[in-house]
Amino acid sequence: MAELTERIMDHVTSTNIDRAMLMDYLSEFLAVEQGGIKLYRAALQIVQHDEIRRKFHEFHQETLKHVSILEKVIGELGGDPGYQSTSAKIAEKKAEGLLQTMTATNGMSAKLAEINAIENIVLAETKDQADWALLGKIARQTTDSHLGDVLKAAVDEVEPEENEHLTWTKSKMAELAMGAVSE
């Protein structure tokens, strides 16, 4: 209910958007999605369950699409998708850290390595979902109709997928962890 109320309030609240700050955010969000591609590739090498492999393959393909969508959004807003903001560089380092902990599983059982991989995906998908939620909020509140239209189209396509990525991986992580501690 709170989310619905917030969305309604967004439609009656308007604000001017700092375009330079938005472009820096978009650069960061693009770096997060690019990091997600690498994380899914690594996770696909680790996970053993067929269901998880299928879902991660699907999510990997969708993440590739999300990168393309963000690049298009940046271009439509007059930015350079190749530009990397300071926050994008930091996001890249965060993804590298998750990749290191995903692949540094020496001595870890295959079951625990799989749970660790899913846990890292949950961390990354939490950021992805928050990014797209923010873009939706900006699209609903901006006084710039072009900006609103560009962001709304992208958010409408991507946000439901990001919500599924996060919800599914959190649920699967809990399921596998419970299986690991159960006798």
C-alpha atoms as a PDB file:
ATOM      1  CA  MET A   1       0.000   0.000   0.000  1.00  0.00           C
ATOM      2  CA  ALA A   2       2.835   2.394   0.827  1.00  0.00           C
ATOM      3  CA  GLU A   3       4.337   1.940  -2.647  1.00  0.00           C
ATOM      4  CA  LEU A   4       0.987   2.700  -4.301  1.00  0.00           C
ATOM      5  CA  THR A   5       0.545   5.820  -2.172  1.00  0.00           C
ATOM      6  CA  GLU A   6       4.085   6.929  -3.014  1.00  0.00           C
ATOM      7  CA  ARG A   7       3.474   6.440  -6.739  1.00  0.00           C
ATOM      8  CA  ILE A   8       0.268   8.461  -6.584  1.00  0.00           C
ATOM      9  CA  MET A   9       2.103  11.243  -4.744  1.00  0.00           C
ATOM     10  CA  ASP A  10       4.820  11.176  -7.416  1.00  0.00           C
ATOM     11  CA  HIS A  11       2.215  12.032 -10.066  1.00  0.00           C
ATOM     12  CA  VAL A  12       1.044  15.124  -8.187  1.00  0.00           C
ATOM     13  CA  THR A  13       4.544  16.210  -7.178  1.00  0.00           C
ATOM     14  CA  SER A  14       6.743  17.822  -9.762  1.00  0.00           C
ATOM     15  CA  THR A  15      10.377  18.780  -9.639  1.00  0.00           C
ATOM     16  CA  ASN A  16      13.129  20.064 -11.856  1.00  0.00           C
ATOM     17  CA  ILE A  17      15.831  17.477 -12.424  1.00  0.00           C
ATOM     18  CA  ASP A  18      19.527  18.349 -12.327  1.00  0.00           C
ATOM     19  CA  ARG A  19      20.478  16.977 -15.740  1.00  0.00           C
ATOM     20  CA  ALA A  20      24.211  16.651 -14.983  1.00  0.00           C
ATOM     21  CA  MET A  21      23.516  14.694 -11.790  1.00  0.00           C
ATOM     22  CA  LEU A  22      21.023  12.492 -13.629  1.00  0.00           C
ATOM     23  CA  MET A  23      23.575  11.710 -16.345  1.00  0.00           C
ATOM     24  CA  ASP A  24      26.103  10.748 -13.643  1.00  0.00           C
ATOM     25  CA  TYR A  25      23.502   8.466 -12.078  1.00  0.00           C
ATOM     26  CA  LEU A  26      22.708   6.911 -15.453  1.00  0.00           C
ATOM     27  CA  SER A  27      26.421   6.269 -15.982  1.00  0.00           C
ATOM     28  CA  GLU A  28      26.543   4.541 -12.595  1.00  0.00           C
ATOM     29  CA  PHE A  29      23.388   2.531 -13.286  1.00  0.00           C
ATOM     30  CA  LEU A  30      24.885   1.392 -16.592  1.00  0.00           C
ATOM     31  CA  ALA A  31      28.059   0.257 -14.787  1.00  0.00           C
ATOM     32  CA  VAL A  32      25.913  -1.671 -12.291  1.00  0.00           C
ATOM     33  CA  GLU A  33      24.100  -3.478 -15.122  1.00  0.00           C
ATOM     34  CA  GLN A  34      27.411  -4.209 -16.870  1.00  0.00           C
ATOM     35  CA  GLY A  35      28.723  -5.637 -13.612  1.00  0.00           C
ATOM     36  CA  GLY A  36      25.586  -7.772 -13.437  1.00  0.00           C
ATOM     37  CA  ILE A  37      26.445  -9.335 -16.793  1.00  0.00           C
ATOM     38  CA  LYS A  38      29.815 -10.422 -15.406  1.00  0.00           C
ATOM     39  CA  LEU A  39      28.241 -11.708 -12.195  1.00  0.00           C
ATOM     40  CA  TYR A  40      25.701 -13.817 -14.071  1.00  0.00           C
ATOM     41  CA  ARG A  41      28.446 -15.253 -16.298  1.00  0.00           C
ATOM     42  CA  ALA A  42      30.465 -16.231 -13.229  1.00  0.00           C
ATOM     43  CA  ALA A  43      27.418 -17.590 -11.398  1.00  0.00           C
ATOM     44  CA  LEU A  44      26.513 -19.761 -14.391  1.00  0.00           C
ATOM     45  CA  GLN A  45      29.908 -21.458 -14.008  1.00  0.00           C
ATOM     46  CA  ILE A  46      29.197 -22.218 -10.342  1.00  0.00           C
ATOM     47  CA  VAL A  47      25.537 -23.078  -9.909  1.00  0.00           C
ATOM     48  CA  GLN A  48      24.610 -26.758 -10.047  1.00  0.00           C
ATOM     49  CA  HIS A  49      20.793 -26.796  -9.968  1.00  0.00           C
ATOM     50  CA  ASP A  50      19.189 -26.891 -13.411  1.00  0.00           C
ATOM     51  CA  GLU A  51      16.367 -24.550 -12.361  1.00  0.00           C
ATOM     52  CA  ILE A  52      18.842 -21.944 -11.119  1.00  0.00           C
ATOM     53  CA  ARG A  53      20.967 -22.282 -14.249  1.00  0.00           C
ATOM     54  CA  ARG A  54      17.885 -21.742 -16.439  1.00  0.00           C
ATOM     55  CA  LYS A  55      16.762 -18.700 -14.450  1.00  0.00           C
ATOM     56  CA  PHE A  56      20.251 -17.207 -14.327  1.00  0.00           C
ATOM     57  CA  HIS A  57      20.600 -17.679 -18.083  1.00  0.00           C
ATOM     58  CA  GLU A  58      17.262 -15.874 -18.536  1.00  0.00           C
ATOM     59  CA  PHE A  59      18.286 -13.094 -16.135  1.00  0.00           C
ATOM     60  CA  HIS A  60      21.674 -12.779 -17.866  1.00  0.00           C
ATOM     61  CA  GLN A  61      19.937 -12.276 -21.220  1.00  0.00           C
ATOM     62  CA  GLU A  62      17.593  -9.688 -19.703  1.00  0.00           C
ATOM     63  CA  THR A  63      20.545  -7.875 -18.123  1.00  0.00           C
ATOM     64  CA  LEU A  64      22.203  -7.656 -21.543  1.00  0.00           C
ATOM     65  CA  LYS A  65      18.981  -6.032 -22.763  1.00  0.00           C
ATOM     66  CA  HIS A  66      18.972  -3.653 -19.770  1.00  0.00           C
ATOM     67  CA  VAL A  67      22.446  -2.456 -20.732  1.00  0.00           C
ATOM     68  CA  SER A  68      21.211  -1.714 -24.261  1.00  0.00           C
ATOM     69  CA  ILE A  69      18.169   0.101 -22.917  1.00  0.00           C
ATOM     70  CA  LEU A  70      20.275   2.278 -20.599  1.00  0.00           C
ATOM     71  CA  GLU A  71      22.701   3.072 -23.422  1.00  0.00           C
ATOM     72  CA  LYS A  72      19.722   4.115 -25.558  1.00  0.00           C
ATOM     73  CA  VAL A  73      18.257   6.231 -22.731  1.00  0.00           C
ATOM     74  CA  ILE A  74      21.590   7.997 -22.201  1.00  0.00           C
ATOM     75  CA  GLY A  75      21.859   8.680 -25.943  1.00  0.00           C
ATOM     76  CA  GLU A  76      18.263   9.931 -26.206  1.00  0.00           C
ATOM     77  CA  LEU A  77      18.950  12.331 -23.355  1.00  0.00           C
ATOM     78  CA  GLY A  78      22.004  13.735 -25.152  1.00  0.00           C
ATOM     79  CA  GLY A  79      24.630  11.874 -23.157  1.00  0.00           C
ATOM     80  CA  ASP A  80      27.508   9.612 -24.091  1.00  0.00           C
ATOM     81  CA  PRO A  81      27.027   5.976 -23.008  1.00  0.00           C
ATOM     82  CA  GLY A  82      30.835   5.667 -22.966  1.00  0.00           C
ATOM     83  CA  TYR A  83      31.168   8.379 -20.314  1.00  0.00           C
ATOM     84  CA  GLN A  84      32.021   6.942 -16.915  1.00  0.00           C
ATOM     85  CA  SER A  85      31.157   9.046 -13.864  1.00  0.00           C
ATOM     86  CA  THR A  86      33.023   8.761 -10.581  1.00  0.00           C
ATOM     87  CA  SER A  87      30.114   6.785  -9.125  1.00  0.00           C
ATOM     88  CA  ALA A  88      30.230   4.465 -12.147  1.00  0.00           C
ATOM     89  CA  LYS A  89      33.889   3.742 -11.432  1.00  0.00           C
ATOM     90  CA  ILE A  90      33.001   2.938  -7.832  1.00  0.00           C
ATOM     91  CA  ALA A  91      30.135   0.690  -8.986  1.00  0.00           C
ATOM     92  CA  GLU A  92      32.627  -1.143 -11.201  1.00  0.00           C
ATOM     93  CA  LYS A  93      34.878  -1.764  -8.183  1.00  0.00           C
ATOM     94  CA  LYS A  94      31.922  -3.073  -6.183  1.00  0.00           C
ATOM     95  CA  ALA A  95      31.098  -5.534  -8.969  1.00  0.00           C
ATOM     96  CA  GLU A  96      34.753  -6.614  -9.087  1.00  0.00           C
ATOM     97  CA  GLY A  97      34.606  -7.254  -5.334  1.00  0.00           C
ATOM     98  CA  LEU A  98      31.508  -9.396  -5.709  1.00  0.00           C
ATOM     99  CA  LEU A  99      33.173 -11.284  -8.558  1.00  0.00           C
ATOM    100  CA  GLN A 100      36.236 -11.953  -6.402  1.00  0.00           C
ATOM    101  CA  THR A 101      34.152 -13.353  -3.573  1.00  0.00           C
ATOM    102  CA  MET A 102      32.133 -15.402  -6.036  1.00  0.00           C
ATOM    103  CA  THR A 103      35.158 -17.076  -7.558  1.00  0.00           C
ATOM    104  CA  ALA A 104      37.317 -17.351  -4.412  1.00  0.00           C
ATOM    105  CA  THR A 105      35.604 -20.483  -3.189  1.00  0.00           C
ATOM    106  CA  ASN A 106      38.645 -22.672  -2.516  1.00  0.00           C
ATOM    107  CA  GLY A 107      37.775 -25.227   0.131  1.00  0.00           C
ATOM    108  CA  MET A 108      34.075 -24.406  -0.087  1.00  0.00           C
ATOM    109  CA  SER A 109      31.651 -27.209  -0.904  1.00  0.00           C
ATOM    110  CA  ALA A 110      29.799 -26.963  -4.210  1.00  0.00           C
ATOM    111  CA  LYS A 111      26.580 -26.368  -2.261  1.00  0.00           C
ATOM    112  CA  LEU A 112      28.060 -23.447  -0.313  1.00  0.00           C
ATOM    113  CA  ALA A 113      29.719 -22.019  -3.432  1.00  0.00           C
ATOM    114  CA  GLU A 114      26.323 -22.035  -5.142  1.00  0.00           C
ATOM    115  CA  ILE A 115      24.680 -20.273  -2.180  1.00  0.00           C
ATOM    116  CA  ASN A 116      27.515 -17.724  -2.169  1.00  0.00           C
ATOM    117  CA  ALA A 117      27.001 -17.068  -5.894  1.00  0.00           C
ATOM    118  CA  ILE A 118      23.277 -16.527  -5.390  1.00  0.00           C
ATOM    119  CA  GLU A 119      23.958 -14.268  -2.411  1.00  0.00           C
ATOM    120  CA  ASN A 120      26.199 -12.077  -4.581  1.00  0.00           C
ATOM    121  CA  ILE A 121      23.487 -11.915  -7.236  1.00  0.00           C
ATOM    122  CA  VAL A 122      20.978 -10.835  -4.555  1.00  0.00           C
ATOM    123  CA  LEU A 123      23.317  -8.004  -3.528  1.00  0.00           C
ATOM    124  CA  ALA A 124      23.691  -6.833  -7.127  1.00  0.00           C
ATOM    125  CA  GLU A 125      19.983  -7.189  -7.923  1.00  0.00           C
ATOM    126  CA  THR A 126      19.072  -5.173  -4.830  1.00  0.00           C
ATOM    127  CA  LYS A 127      21.034  -2.241  -6.295  1.00  0.00           C
ATOM    128  CA  ASP A 128      19.566  -2.799  -9.777  1.00  0.00           C
ATOM    129  CA  GLN A 129      16.016  -2.811  -8.459  1.00  0.00           C
ATOM    130  CA  ALA A 130      16.649   0.369  -6.443  1.00  0.00           C
ATOM    131  CA  ASP A 131      18.147   2.094  -9.514  1.00  0.00           C
ATOM    132  CA  TRP A 132      15.130   1.357 -11.693  1.00  0.00           C
ATOM    133  CA  ALA A 133      12.733   2.367  -8.916  1.00  0.00           C
ATOM    134  CA  LEU A 134      14.533   5.730  -8.714  1.00  0.00           C
ATOM    135  CA  LEU A 135      14.309   6.199 -12.485  1.00  0.00           C
ATOM    136  CA  GLY A 136      10.566   5.511 -12.247  1.00  0.00           C
ATOM    137  CA  LYS A 137      10.234   8.137  -9.514  1.00  0.00           C
ATOM    138  CA  ILE A 138      12.154  10.653 -11.633  1.00  0.00           C
ATOM    139  CA  ALA A 139       9.953   9.870 -14.650  1.00  0.00           C
ATOM    140  CA  ARG A 140       6.809  10.501 -12.579  1.00  0.00           C
ATOM    141  CA  GLN A 141       8.051  13.720 -10.964  1.00  0.00           C
ATOM    142  CA  THR A 142      10.028  15.493 -13.668  1.00  0.00           C
ATOM    143  CA  THR A 143       8.695  18.678 -15.217  1.00  0.00           C
ATOM    144  CA  ASP A 144      10.589  17.800 -18.433  1.00  0.00           C
ATOM    145  CA  SER A 145       8.121  15.880 -20.595  1.00  0.00           C
ATOM    146  CA  HIS A 146      10.823  14.493 -22.916  1.00  0.00           C
ATOM    147  CA  LEU A 147      12.820  13.189 -19.963  1.00  0.00           C
ATOM    148  CA  GLY A 148       9.673  11.727 -18.422  1.00  0.00           C
ATOM    149  CA  ASP A 149       8.698   9.972 -21.648  1.00  0.00           C
ATOM    150  CA  VAL A 150      12.174   8.509 -22.226  1.00  0.00           C
ATOM    151  CA  LEU A 151      12.511   7.233 -18.668  1.00  0.00           C
ATOM    152  CA  LYS A 152       8.934   5.961 -18.412  1.00  0.00           C
ATOM    153  CA  ALA A 153       9.301   3.788 -21.520  1.00  0.00           C
ATOM    154  CA  ALA A 154      12.528   2.266 -20.196  1.00  0.00           C
ATOM    155  CA  VAL A 155      11.219   1.772 -16.655  1.00  0.00           C
ATOM    156  CA  ASP A 156       7.989   0.188 -17.888  1.00  0.00           C
ATOM    157  CA  GLU A 157      10.035  -2.405 -19.769  1.00  0.00           C
ATOM    158  CA  VAL A 158      12.775  -3.095 -17.217  1.00  0.00           C
ATOM    159  CA  GLU A 159      11.385  -2.583 -13.719  1.00  0.00           C
ATOM    160  CA  PRO A 160       9.123  -5.679 -13.713  1.00  0.00           C
ATOM    161  CA  GLU A 161      12.095  -7.826 -14.764  1.00  0.00           C
ATOM    162  CA  GLU A 162      14.295  -6.321 -12.054  1.00  0.00           C
ATOM    163  CA  ASN A 163      11.602  -6.975  -9.485  1.00  0.00           C
ATOM    164  CA  GLU A 164      11.465 -10.613 -10.604  1.00  0.00           C
ATOM    165  CA  HIS A 165      15.272 -10.950 -10.532  1.00  0.00           C
ATOM    166  CA  LEU A 166      15.416  -9.759  -6.930  1.00  0.00           C
ATOM    167  CA  THR A 167      12.359 -11.612  -5.650  1.00  0.00           C
ATOM    168  CA  TRP A 168      13.300 -14.909  -7.278  1.00  0.00           C
ATOM    169  CA  THR A 169      16.961 -14.893  -6.227  1.00  0.00           C
ATOM    170  CA  LYS A 170      16.139 -13.913  -2.636  1.00  0.00           C
ATOM    171  CA  SER A 171      13.624 -16.749  -2.428  1.00  0.00           C
ATOM    172  CA  LYS A 172      15.996 -19.274  -4.002  1.00  0.00           C
ATOM    173  CA  MET A 173      18.863 -18.182  -1.747  1.00  0.00           C
ATOM    174  CA  ALA A 174      16.696 -18.727   1.330  1.00  0.00           C
ATOM    175  CA  GLU A 175      15.522 -22.100   0.022  1.00  0.00           C
ATOM    176  CA  LEU A 176      19.061 -23.343  -0.620  1.00  0.00           C
ATOM    177  CA  ALA A 177      20.383 -21.999   2.680  1.00  0.00           C
ATOM    178  CA  MET A 178      17.562 -23.740   4.542  1.00  0.00           C
ATOM    179  CA  GLY A 179      18.384 -26.950   2.690  1.00  0.00           C
ATOM    180  CA  ALA A 180      22.031 -26.595   3.674  1.00  0.00           C
ATOM    181  CA  VAL A 181      21.265 -26.288   7.379  1.00  0.00           C
ATOM    182  CA  SER A 182      18.519 -28.914   7.431  1.00  0.00           C
ATOM    183  CA  GLU A 183      19.351 -32.551   8.009  1.00  0.00           C
END
